Amino acid sequence: MIIAIDGPSGAGKSTVAKAVAKELGFSCLDTGAMYRAVAWRALHDGVSLEDAEALGAIAHNCTINFRHEAGDPVPRRVFVDNVEVTNDIRTAEIDRSVSAVSAVPAVRQALVEQQRRIGMQGNYVVEGRDIGTAVFPEAELKVFLTASAAERAHRRVAQNERRGVGSTDYAEVLADIERRDAIDSSRDTSPLKPAPDAVQMDSTGRTIEQVIERICALAQEKGVHV
């Protein structure tokens, strides 16, 4: 079974997806980390983010792996060609770069193929921007999770403070979220939008626990046994 969670930057998709996967005994596939990994490789190699052909080649040729701790369905470490980039892909520089990378059709095609291959191997919670519309359009449960830009910015700042990675300047983070929303929603390839059959969920004013509980309840309605 595939549970697809889509939504804009900072909506809490990653946190929610990991918690839902733990609760249901599913594995979790962080597609956003895959696009961040391609952005990291491009910047590391000095490749222009405007060079769509080169970005596509990176996505096709690099190997992105996730590693789990024993008994943990949530991947804790990310590797690109056997180089660990777990923290490197969560910087403010990558935050600013990832939308441009993910808008390249060749990049999306390469990573969607990898995502589908992984997802077909078992029960997965998959989060991203176009999981329910493009990657897994036949997913049994689709959720479109959002929140106000202001709330998402506050959450991202708090998250960055906890991790010690990324910007903690609220104005900078808010501007970046609004910029990414505009790019993600207007791109030609797989724009950010809810699937027609997605359950739309605004988490503004809700706790993460309430969101997790609601999605788990929806999964149980689809026949998942906890």
Protein backbone atom coordinates (compact mmCIF):
# COMPACT_ATOMS: atom_id res chain seq x y z
CA MET A 1 0.00 0.00 0.00
CA ILE A 2 1.16 3.52 -0.80
CA ILE A 3 0.18 6.54 1.31
CA ALA A 4 1.00 9.71 -0.63
CA ILE A 5 1.48 12.96 1.28
CA ASP A 6 1.90 16.07 -0.85
CA GLY A 7 2.10 19.75 0.01
CA PRO A 8 4.22 22.88 -0.07
CA SER A 9 7.57 23.50 1.59
CA GLY A 10 7.46 23.61 5.39
CA ALA A 11 4.02 22.02 5.74
CA GLY A 12 5.47 19.32 7.99
CA LYS A 13 5.24 16.53 5.41
CA SER A 14 8.53 14.90 6.35
CA THR A 15 7.83 14.89 10.10
CA VAL A 16 4.28 13.63 9.58
CA ALA A 17 5.28 10.97 7.04
CA LYS A 18 7.96 9.55 9.34
CA ALA A 19 5.57 9.41 12.31
CA VAL A 20 2.77 7.84 10.26
CA ALA A 21 5.18 5.23 8.90
CA LYS A 22 6.26 4.33 12.44
CA GLU A 23 2.69 4.13 13.69
CA LEU A 24 1.53 1.91 10.83
CA GLY A 25 4.67 -0.21 10.48
CA PHE A 26 5.34 1.13 6.97
CA SER A 27 8.61 2.26 5.44
CA CYS A 28 9.11 5.94 4.64
CA LEU A 29 10.48 7.31 1.38
CA ASP A 30 11.71 10.91 1.57
CA THR A 31 11.51 12.04 -2.07
CA GLY A 32 12.44 15.59 -1.13
CA ALA A 33 15.79 14.34 0.12
CA MET A 34 16.40 12.83 -3.32
CA TYR A 35 15.95 16.18 -5.06
CA ARG A 36 18.10 17.82 -2.40
CA ALA A 37 20.77 15.20 -3.06
CA VAL A 38 20.83 16.09 -6.76
CA ALA A 39 21.07 19.79 -5.87
CA TRP A 40 23.96 19.01 -3.51
CA ARG A 41 25.80 17.05 -6.20
CA ALA A 42 25.33 19.86 -8.71
CA LEU A 43 26.64 22.52 -6.33
CA HIS A 44 29.47 20.25 -5.16
CA ASP A 45 30.53 19.65 -8.77
CA GLY A 46 30.19 23.29 -9.81
CA VAL A 47 27.29 22.61 -12.17
CA SER A 48 25.07 25.58 -12.98
CA LEU A 49 21.50 25.25 -11.76
CA GLU A 50 20.46 26.70 -15.11
CA ASP A 51 22.06 23.83 -17.04
CA ALA A 52 19.09 21.51 -17.36
CA GLU A 53 20.97 18.93 -19.43
CA ALA A 54 23.75 18.63 -16.87
CA LEU A 55 21.28 18.41 -13.98
CA GLY A 56 19.41 15.66 -15.78
CA ALA A 57 22.65 13.76 -16.30
CA ILE A 58 23.44 14.00 -12.58
CA ALA A 59 20.03 12.63 -11.64
CA HIS A 60 20.37 9.74 -14.09
CA ASN A 61 23.93 8.85 -13.16
CA CYS A 62 24.20 9.38 -9.40
CA THR A 63 23.14 6.70 -6.94
CA ILE A 64 21.05 7.89 -4.00
CA ASN A 65 20.73 5.53 -1.06
CA PHE A 66 18.97 5.68 2.30
CA ARG A 67 20.17 3.78 5.33
CA HIS A 68 18.03 2.64 8.22
CA GLU A 69 18.83 1.78 11.78
CA ALA A 70 17.83 -1.73 12.78
CA GLY A 71 14.08 -1.97 13.24
CA ASP A 72 13.46 1.64 12.18
CA PRO A 73 11.29 2.12 9.07
CA VAL A 74 12.48 5.72 8.74
CA PRO A 75 15.75 6.34 6.87
CA ARG A 76 18.12 8.36 9.03
CA ARG A 77 21.08 8.75 6.68
CA VAL A 78 21.33 9.83 3.04
CA PHE A 79 24.19 8.97 0.70
CA VAL A 80 25.08 10.15 -2.81
CA ASP A 81 27.50 7.81 -4.56
CA ASN A 82 28.52 6.43 -1.15
CA VAL A 83 29.19 9.92 0.28
CA GLU A 84 27.04 10.77 3.29
CA VAL A 85 25.11 14.02 2.76
CA THR A 86 22.54 13.73 5.57
CA ASN A 87 23.31 17.20 6.98
CA ASP A 88 24.72 18.74 3.80
CA ILE A 89 21.35 18.58 2.02
CA ARG A 90 19.58 20.51 4.81
CA THR A 91 21.43 23.81 4.51
CA ALA A 92 19.97 27.19 3.52
CA GLU A 93 21.91 26.99 0.24
CA ILE A 94 20.15 23.76 -0.68
CA ASP A 95 16.81 25.25 0.44
CA ARG A 96 17.34 28.00 -2.14
CA SER A 97 18.48 25.61 -4.88
CA VAL A 98 16.19 22.61 -4.74
CA SER A 99 13.14 24.10 -6.48
CA ALA A 100 15.18 24.98 -9.57
CA VAL A 101 16.56 21.46 -9.67
CA SER A 102 13.19 19.76 -9.15
CA ALA A 103 11.65 21.82 -11.96
CA VAL A 104 13.91 20.17 -14.57
CA PRO A 105 11.86 17.49 -16.41
CA ALA A 106 14.84 15.16 -16.89
CA VAL A 107 15.60 15.27 -13.16
CA ARG A 108 12.02 14.47 -12.25
CA GLN A 109 11.86 11.63 -14.75
CA ALA A 110 15.03 10.02 -13.40
CA LEU A 111 13.98 10.27 -9.77
CA VAL A 112 10.37 9.24 -10.35
CA GLU A 113 11.66 6.01 -11.88
CA GLN A 114 13.73 5.37 -8.75
CA GLN A 115 10.84 6.26 -6.47
CA ARG A 116 8.42 3.91 -8.21
CA ARG A 117 10.92 1.07 -8.10
CA ILE A 118 11.39 1.54 -4.35
CA GLY A 119 7.69 2.02 -3.63
CA MET A 120 6.70 -1.20 -5.35
CA GLN A 121 8.77 -3.20 -2.86
CA GLY A 122 6.38 -2.89 0.09
CA ASN A 123 4.16 -0.61 2.16
CA TYR A 124 5.39 2.97 1.97
CA VAL A 125 4.49 6.43 3.16
CA VAL A 126 5.81 8.73 0.43
CA GLU A 127 5.93 12.51 0.72
CA GLY A 128 6.74 15.20 -1.79
CA ARG A 129 5.16 17.67 -4.19
CA ASP A 130 3.61 15.39 -6.84
CA ILE A 131 3.39 11.94 -5.29
CA GLY A 132 -0.37 11.56 -5.64
CA THR A 133 -0.57 13.28 -9.03
CA ALA A 134 2.50 11.97 -10.91
CA VAL A 135 4.60 9.44 -9.02
CA PHE A 136 1.93 7.18 -7.53
CA PRO A 137 -1.40 8.29 -9.07
CA GLU A 138 -2.90 4.94 -8.02
CA ALA A 139 -1.93 5.36 -4.33
CA GLU A 140 -4.64 4.00 -2.04
CA LEU A 141 -4.54 7.07 0.22
CA LYS A 142 -3.60 10.60 -0.85
CA VAL A 143 -3.26 13.56 1.50
CA PHE A 144 -2.53 17.17 0.52
CA LEU A 145 -1.07 18.81 3.62
CA THR A 146 -0.65 22.55 3.86
CA ALA A 147 -0.52 25.46 6.31
CA SER A 148 -0.21 29.23 6.09
CA ALA A 149 3.14 30.54 4.85
CA ALA A 150 3.68 32.34 8.17
CA GLU A 151 3.14 29.19 10.21
CA ARG A 152 5.33 27.14 7.90
CA ALA A 153 8.11 29.69 8.27
CA HIS A 154 7.89 29.59 12.08
CA ARG A 155 8.03 25.79 12.00
CA ARG A 156 11.03 25.76 9.67
CA VAL A 157 12.95 28.23 11.85
CA ALA A 158 12.26 26.14 14.95
CA GLN A 159 13.32 22.99 13.11
CA ASN A 160 16.54 24.60 11.92
CA GLU A 161 17.30 25.81 15.44
CA ARG A 162 16.87 22.29 16.82
CA ARG A 163 19.08 20.73 14.17
CA GLY A 164 21.63 23.51 14.02
CA VAL A 165 21.35 23.43 10.23
CA GLY A 166 19.78 26.02 7.90
CA SER A 167 18.71 29.62 8.36
CA THR A 168 17.09 30.78 11.60
CA ASP A 169 16.20 34.22 10.23
CA TYR A 170 12.39 34.31 10.05
CA ALA A 171 12.18 36.90 7.26
CA GLU A 172 14.66 34.98 5.14
CA VAL A 173 12.89 31.66 5.67
CA LEU A 174 9.46 33.18 4.94
CA ALA A 175 10.71 34.78 1.73
CA ASP A 176 12.23 31.47 0.65
CA ILE A 177 9.00 29.57 1.35
CA GLU A 178 6.92 32.07 -0.61
CA ARG A 179 9.41 31.94 -3.50
CA ARG A 180 9.38 28.14 -3.54
CA ASP A 181 5.57 28.09 -3.43
CA ALA A 182 5.46 30.26 -6.53
CA ILE A 183 8.01 28.13 -8.40
CA ASP A 184 6.51 24.80 -7.39
CA SER A 185 2.95 25.82 -8.23
CA SER A 186 3.72 27.37 -11.62
CA ARG A 187 6.27 24.96 -13.12
CA ASP A 188 5.29 23.19 -16.33
CA THR A 189 6.29 19.72 -15.15
CA SER A 190 4.23 18.22 -12.30
CA PRO A 191 3.18 21.49 -10.64
CA LEU A 192 2.27 21.45 -6.97
CA LYS A 193 -1.46 20.80 -6.68
CA PRO A 194 -3.74 18.36 -4.84
CA ALA A 195 -4.80 15.20 -6.65
CA PRO A 196 -8.55 15.18 -7.42
CA ASP A 197 -9.09 12.38 -4.90
CA ALA A 198 -6.73 13.70 -2.21
CA VAL A 199 -7.89 14.51 1.30
CA GLN A 200 -6.95 18.16 1.77
CA MET A 201 -5.72 18.98 5.26
CA ASP A 202 -4.77 22.45 6.55
CA SER A 203 -2.56 22.04 9.60
CA THR A 204 -2.61 25.72 10.56
CA GLY A 205 -3.43 25.82 14.27
CA ARG A 206 -3.25 22.03 14.59
CA THR A 207 -0.58 20.08 16.37
CA ILE A 208 1.55 17.59 14.49
CA GLU A 209 0.04 14.87 16.69
CA GLN A 210 -3.48 15.78 15.51
CA VAL A 211 -2.40 15.58 11.86
CA ILE A 212 -0.70 12.21 12.40
CA GLU A 213 -3.75 10.82 14.19
CA ARG A 214 -6.04 11.92 11.36
CA ILE A 215 -3.92 10.35 8.62
CA CYS A 216 -3.57 7.09 10.56
CA ALA A 217 -7.36 7.02 10.96
CA LEU A 218 -7.77 7.50 7.21
CA ALA A 219 -5.34 4.65 6.59
CA GLN A 220 -7.31 2.39 8.88
CA GLU A 221 -10.45 3.25 6.94
CA LYS A 222 -8.58 1.94 3.88
CA GLY A 223 -7.96 -1.37 5.61
CA VAL A 224 -4.58 -0.87 7.29
CA HIS A 225 -4.31 -2.71 10.60
CA VAL A 226 -2.13 -1.14 13.27
